[in-house]
N, C-alpha and C. Protein backbone atom coordinates (compact mmCIF):
# COMPACT_ATOMS: atom_id res chain seq x y z
N UNK A 1 -16.20 -28.81 19.21
CA UNK A 1 -17.53 -29.32 18.95
C UNK A 1 -17.41 -30.80 18.56
N UNK A 2 -18.31 -31.56 19.01
CA UNK A 2 -18.31 -32.99 18.73
C UNK A 2 -19.35 -33.26 17.65
N UNK A 3 -18.95 -34.02 16.62
CA UNK A 3 -19.86 -34.37 15.54
C UNK A 3 -19.46 -35.72 14.97
N UNK A 4 -20.37 -36.31 14.24
CA UNK A 4 -20.10 -37.60 13.60
C UNK A 4 -19.99 -37.39 12.10
N UNK A 5 -18.91 -37.92 11.50
CA UNK A 5 -18.71 -37.81 10.07
C UNK A 5 -18.60 -39.20 9.46
N UNK A 6 -19.04 -39.33 8.24
CA UNK A 6 -18.81 -40.55 7.49
C UNK A 6 -17.74 -40.24 6.46
N UNK A 7 -16.59 -40.88 6.60
CA UNK A 7 -15.44 -40.61 5.74
C UNK A 7 -15.18 -41.86 4.91
N UNK A 8 -14.89 -41.66 3.63
CA UNK A 8 -14.57 -42.79 2.75
C UNK A 8 -13.36 -43.53 3.31
N UNK A 9 -13.35 -44.84 3.09
CA UNK A 9 -12.28 -45.68 3.64
C UNK A 9 -10.90 -45.23 3.16
N UNK A 10 -10.77 -44.93 1.88
CA UNK A 10 -9.46 -44.54 1.36
C UNK A 10 -8.98 -43.24 1.99
N UNK A 11 -9.90 -42.30 2.18
CA UNK A 11 -9.55 -41.03 2.80
C UNK A 11 -9.20 -41.23 4.27
N UNK A 12 -9.96 -42.05 4.97
CA UNK A 12 -9.67 -42.32 6.37
C UNK A 12 -8.30 -42.97 6.52
N UNK A 13 -7.97 -43.90 5.62
CA UNK A 13 -6.66 -44.55 5.67
C UNK A 13 -5.53 -43.55 5.45
N UNK A 14 -5.73 -42.63 4.52
CA UNK A 14 -4.71 -41.60 4.28
C UNK A 14 -4.54 -40.70 5.50
N UNK A 15 -5.64 -40.34 6.13
CA UNK A 15 -5.57 -39.50 7.33
C UNK A 15 -4.88 -40.25 8.47
N UNK A 16 -5.20 -41.53 8.63
CA UNK A 16 -4.55 -42.34 9.68
C UNK A 16 -3.06 -42.46 9.41
N UNK A 17 -2.70 -42.64 8.14
CA UNK A 17 -1.29 -42.74 7.78
C UNK A 17 -0.55 -41.45 8.10
N UNK A 18 -1.17 -40.33 7.80
CA UNK A 18 -0.56 -39.04 8.09
C UNK A 18 -0.42 -38.85 9.60
N UNK A 19 -1.40 -39.29 10.36
CA UNK A 19 -1.33 -39.20 11.82
C UNK A 19 -0.15 -40.02 12.35
N UNK A 20 0.03 -41.21 11.79
CA UNK A 20 1.16 -42.05 12.21
C UNK A 20 2.49 -41.40 11.85
N UNK A 21 2.57 -40.84 10.64
CA UNK A 21 3.82 -40.23 10.18
C UNK A 21 4.19 -39.00 10.99
N UNK A 22 3.21 -38.21 11.37
CA UNK A 22 3.48 -36.96 12.08
C UNK A 22 3.47 -37.13 13.59
N UNK A 23 2.90 -38.24 14.07
CA UNK A 23 2.81 -38.45 15.51
C UNK A 23 1.70 -37.63 16.16
N UNK A 24 0.82 -37.09 15.34
CA UNK A 24 -0.29 -36.29 15.85
C UNK A 24 -1.52 -37.18 16.00
N UNK A 25 -2.42 -36.76 16.88
CA UNK A 25 -3.68 -37.52 17.00
C UNK A 25 -4.51 -37.40 15.72
N UNK A 26 -5.29 -38.45 15.44
CA UNK A 26 -6.14 -38.50 14.25
C UNK A 26 -7.04 -37.27 14.17
N UNK A 27 -7.63 -36.92 15.29
CA UNK A 27 -8.55 -35.78 15.34
C UNK A 27 -7.85 -34.49 14.90
N UNK A 28 -6.61 -34.29 15.34
CA UNK A 28 -5.87 -33.08 14.99
C UNK A 28 -5.54 -33.08 13.50
N UNK A 29 -5.17 -34.23 12.96
CA UNK A 29 -4.85 -34.32 11.53
C UNK A 29 -6.09 -34.00 10.69
N UNK A 30 -7.25 -34.52 11.09
CA UNK A 30 -8.49 -34.23 10.37
C UNK A 30 -8.80 -32.74 10.41
N UNK A 31 -8.70 -32.12 11.60
CA UNK A 31 -8.98 -30.69 11.72
C UNK A 31 -8.02 -29.85 10.89
N UNK A 32 -6.72 -30.18 10.95
CA UNK A 32 -5.74 -29.42 10.17
C UNK A 32 -5.98 -29.56 8.67
N UNK A 33 -6.32 -30.77 8.24
CA UNK A 33 -6.55 -31.01 6.81
C UNK A 33 -7.79 -30.24 6.33
N UNK A 34 -8.85 -30.27 7.13
CA UNK A 34 -10.05 -29.51 6.76
C UNK A 34 -9.75 -28.02 6.71
N UNK A 35 -9.01 -27.52 7.67
CA UNK A 35 -8.68 -26.10 7.72
C UNK A 35 -7.83 -25.70 6.51
N UNK A 36 -6.84 -26.52 6.16
CA UNK A 36 -6.00 -26.22 4.98
C UNK A 36 -6.85 -26.20 3.72
N UNK A 37 -7.78 -27.14 3.61
CA UNK A 37 -8.64 -27.18 2.43
C UNK A 37 -9.52 -25.95 2.32
N UNK A 38 -10.08 -25.52 3.43
CA UNK A 38 -10.93 -24.33 3.42
C UNK A 38 -10.13 -23.08 3.12
N UNK A 39 -8.93 -22.98 3.69
CA UNK A 39 -8.11 -21.79 3.45
C UNK A 39 -7.64 -21.72 2.01
N UNK A 40 -7.27 -22.86 1.43
CA UNK A 40 -6.81 -22.83 0.04
C UNK A 40 -7.97 -22.52 -0.90
N UNK A 41 -9.17 -22.95 -0.53
CA UNK A 41 -10.34 -22.66 -1.36
C UNK A 41 -10.65 -21.16 -1.33
N UNK A 42 -10.48 -20.53 -0.16
CA UNK A 42 -10.74 -19.10 -0.05
C UNK A 42 -9.64 -18.29 -0.72
N UNK A 43 -8.42 -18.82 -0.78
CA UNK A 43 -7.30 -18.08 -1.35
C UNK A 43 -7.40 -18.01 -2.87
N UNK A 44 -7.99 -19.03 -3.50
CA UNK A 44 -8.10 -19.05 -4.96
C UNK A 44 -9.23 -18.14 -5.41
N UNK A 45 -8.87 -17.19 -6.21
CA UNK A 45 -9.90 -16.30 -6.77
C UNK A 45 -10.01 -16.63 -8.25
N UNK A 46 -11.22 -16.77 -8.74
CA UNK A 46 -11.36 -17.08 -10.17
C UNK A 46 -10.86 -15.94 -11.03
N UNK A 47 -10.29 -16.30 -12.17
CA UNK A 47 -9.84 -15.29 -13.11
C UNK A 47 -11.06 -14.60 -13.71
N UNK A 48 -10.97 -13.29 -13.88
CA UNK A 48 -12.11 -12.61 -14.50
C UNK A 48 -12.30 -13.08 -15.94
N UNK A 49 -13.53 -13.21 -16.32
CA UNK A 49 -13.85 -13.65 -17.68
C UNK A 49 -13.58 -12.51 -18.64
N UNK A 50 -12.81 -12.79 -19.65
CA UNK A 50 -12.51 -11.77 -20.65
C UNK A 50 -12.87 -12.30 -22.03
N UNK A 51 -13.58 -11.51 -22.74
CA UNK A 51 -14.00 -11.87 -24.09
C UNK A 51 -13.15 -11.06 -25.06
N UNK A 52 -12.47 -11.76 -25.93
CA UNK A 52 -11.65 -11.08 -26.92
C UNK A 52 -12.49 -10.86 -28.18
N UNK A 53 -12.65 -9.61 -28.57
CA UNK A 53 -13.45 -9.35 -29.77
C UNK A 53 -12.74 -9.85 -31.02
N UNK A 54 -13.51 -10.27 -31.96
CA UNK A 54 -12.96 -10.75 -33.23
C UNK A 54 -13.52 -9.89 -34.35
N UNK A 55 -12.66 -9.46 -35.22
CA UNK A 55 -13.10 -8.67 -36.38
C UNK A 55 -13.72 -9.61 -37.40
N UNK A 56 -14.93 -9.32 -37.79
CA UNK A 56 -15.62 -10.15 -38.76
C UNK A 56 -15.57 -9.55 -40.17
N UNK A 57 -14.94 -8.41 -40.26
CA UNK A 57 -14.82 -7.78 -41.58
C UNK A 57 -16.06 -6.95 -41.91
N UNK A 58 -16.08 -6.45 -43.11
CA UNK A 58 -17.22 -5.63 -43.55
C UNK A 58 -18.22 -6.54 -44.25
N UNK A 59 -19.49 -6.14 -44.23
CA UNK A 59 -20.50 -6.98 -44.89
C UNK A 59 -20.28 -6.98 -46.40
N UNK A 60 -20.71 -8.05 -47.01
CA UNK A 60 -20.59 -8.16 -48.46
C UNK A 60 -21.51 -7.15 -49.14
N UNK A 61 -21.15 -6.75 -50.33
CA UNK A 61 -22.02 -5.81 -51.05
C UNK A 61 -23.41 -6.43 -51.27
N UNK A 62 -24.42 -5.63 -51.05
CA UNK A 62 -25.79 -6.08 -51.26
C UNK A 62 -26.42 -6.67 -50.01
N UNK A 63 -25.68 -6.80 -48.91
CA UNK A 63 -26.24 -7.33 -47.67
C UNK A 63 -26.83 -6.16 -46.89
N UNK A 64 -28.11 -6.26 -46.58
CA UNK A 64 -28.82 -5.19 -45.87
C UNK A 64 -28.82 -5.50 -44.37
N UNK A 65 -27.89 -4.90 -43.62
CA UNK A 65 -27.80 -5.16 -42.19
C UNK A 65 -29.03 -4.63 -41.44
N UNK A 66 -29.54 -3.50 -41.87
CA UNK A 66 -30.72 -2.94 -41.20
C UNK A 66 -31.90 -3.90 -41.33
N UNK A 67 -32.06 -4.50 -42.49
CA UNK A 67 -33.14 -5.46 -42.70
C UNK A 67 -32.95 -6.70 -41.84
N UNK A 68 -31.71 -7.15 -41.70
CA UNK A 68 -31.43 -8.33 -40.88
C UNK A 68 -31.73 -8.02 -39.42
N UNK A 69 -31.41 -6.82 -38.97
CA UNK A 69 -31.70 -6.44 -37.59
C UNK A 69 -33.20 -6.33 -37.35
N UNK A 70 -33.94 -5.81 -38.32
CA UNK A 70 -35.40 -5.74 -38.19
C UNK A 70 -36.00 -7.14 -38.08
N UNK A 71 -35.51 -8.05 -38.91
CA UNK A 71 -35.99 -9.43 -38.87
C UNK A 71 -35.67 -10.07 -37.51
N UNK A 72 -34.46 -9.84 -37.00
CA UNK A 72 -34.09 -10.39 -35.69
C UNK A 72 -35.01 -9.83 -34.60
N UNK A 73 -35.33 -8.54 -34.68
CA UNK A 73 -36.25 -7.94 -33.71
C UNK A 73 -37.63 -8.57 -33.79
N UNK A 74 -38.12 -8.77 -35.00
CA UNK A 74 -39.44 -9.38 -35.18
C UNK A 74 -39.47 -10.80 -34.61
N UNK A 75 -38.44 -11.58 -34.89
CA UNK A 75 -38.38 -12.95 -34.38
C UNK A 75 -38.32 -12.97 -32.85
N UNK A 76 -37.56 -12.05 -32.29
CA UNK A 76 -37.48 -11.97 -30.83
C UNK A 76 -38.83 -11.58 -30.23
N UNK A 77 -39.49 -10.61 -30.83
CA UNK A 77 -40.82 -10.20 -30.35
C UNK A 77 -41.81 -11.36 -30.41
N UNK A 78 -41.77 -12.13 -31.48
CA UNK A 78 -42.67 -13.27 -31.61
C UNK A 78 -42.39 -14.33 -30.54
N UNK A 79 -41.13 -14.55 -30.26
CA UNK A 79 -40.76 -15.54 -29.24
C UNK A 79 -41.24 -15.09 -27.86
N UNK A 80 -41.08 -13.82 -27.56
CA UNK A 80 -41.54 -13.29 -26.27
C UNK A 80 -43.06 -13.38 -26.17
N UNK A 81 -43.75 -13.02 -27.25
CA UNK A 81 -45.21 -13.09 -27.27
C UNK A 81 -45.67 -14.53 -27.05
N UNK A 82 -45.01 -15.49 -27.69
CA UNK A 82 -45.38 -16.91 -27.53
C UNK A 82 -45.18 -17.36 -26.09
N UNK A 83 -44.11 -16.93 -25.46
CA UNK A 83 -43.86 -17.30 -24.05
C UNK A 83 -44.95 -16.72 -23.14
N UNK A 84 -45.30 -15.47 -23.41
CA UNK A 84 -46.33 -14.82 -22.60
C UNK A 84 -47.69 -15.49 -22.79
N UNK A 85 -47.98 -15.94 -24.00
CA UNK A 85 -49.23 -16.65 -24.26
C UNK A 85 -49.30 -17.96 -23.50
N UNK A 86 -48.18 -18.63 -23.35
CA UNK A 86 -48.14 -19.92 -22.64
C UNK A 86 -48.42 -19.75 -21.15
N UNK A 87 -48.13 -18.59 -20.60
CA UNK A 87 -48.34 -18.34 -19.17
C UNK A 87 -49.80 -18.15 -18.82
N UNK A 88 -50.63 -17.84 -19.79
CA UNK A 88 -52.05 -17.56 -19.51
C UNK A 88 -52.79 -18.80 -19.12
């Protein structure tokens, strides 16, 4: 397929240099370089994200976790209600 590309000068110079060193035509060097780049990109698989849990210890005496969770629920409900009101 024939197409027109705009290549940065530094990159074009590197490709021309490689063509001279290998004795291959410029077009072939460009195609091989693009193919290698695409293949290496497909070969790399991202590492799965892993979250390491951290022990936070037990709550201090007198701390009411149930009350804190109720408060968090109320604040979340208010935030959702405010968002829904803005949509009207």
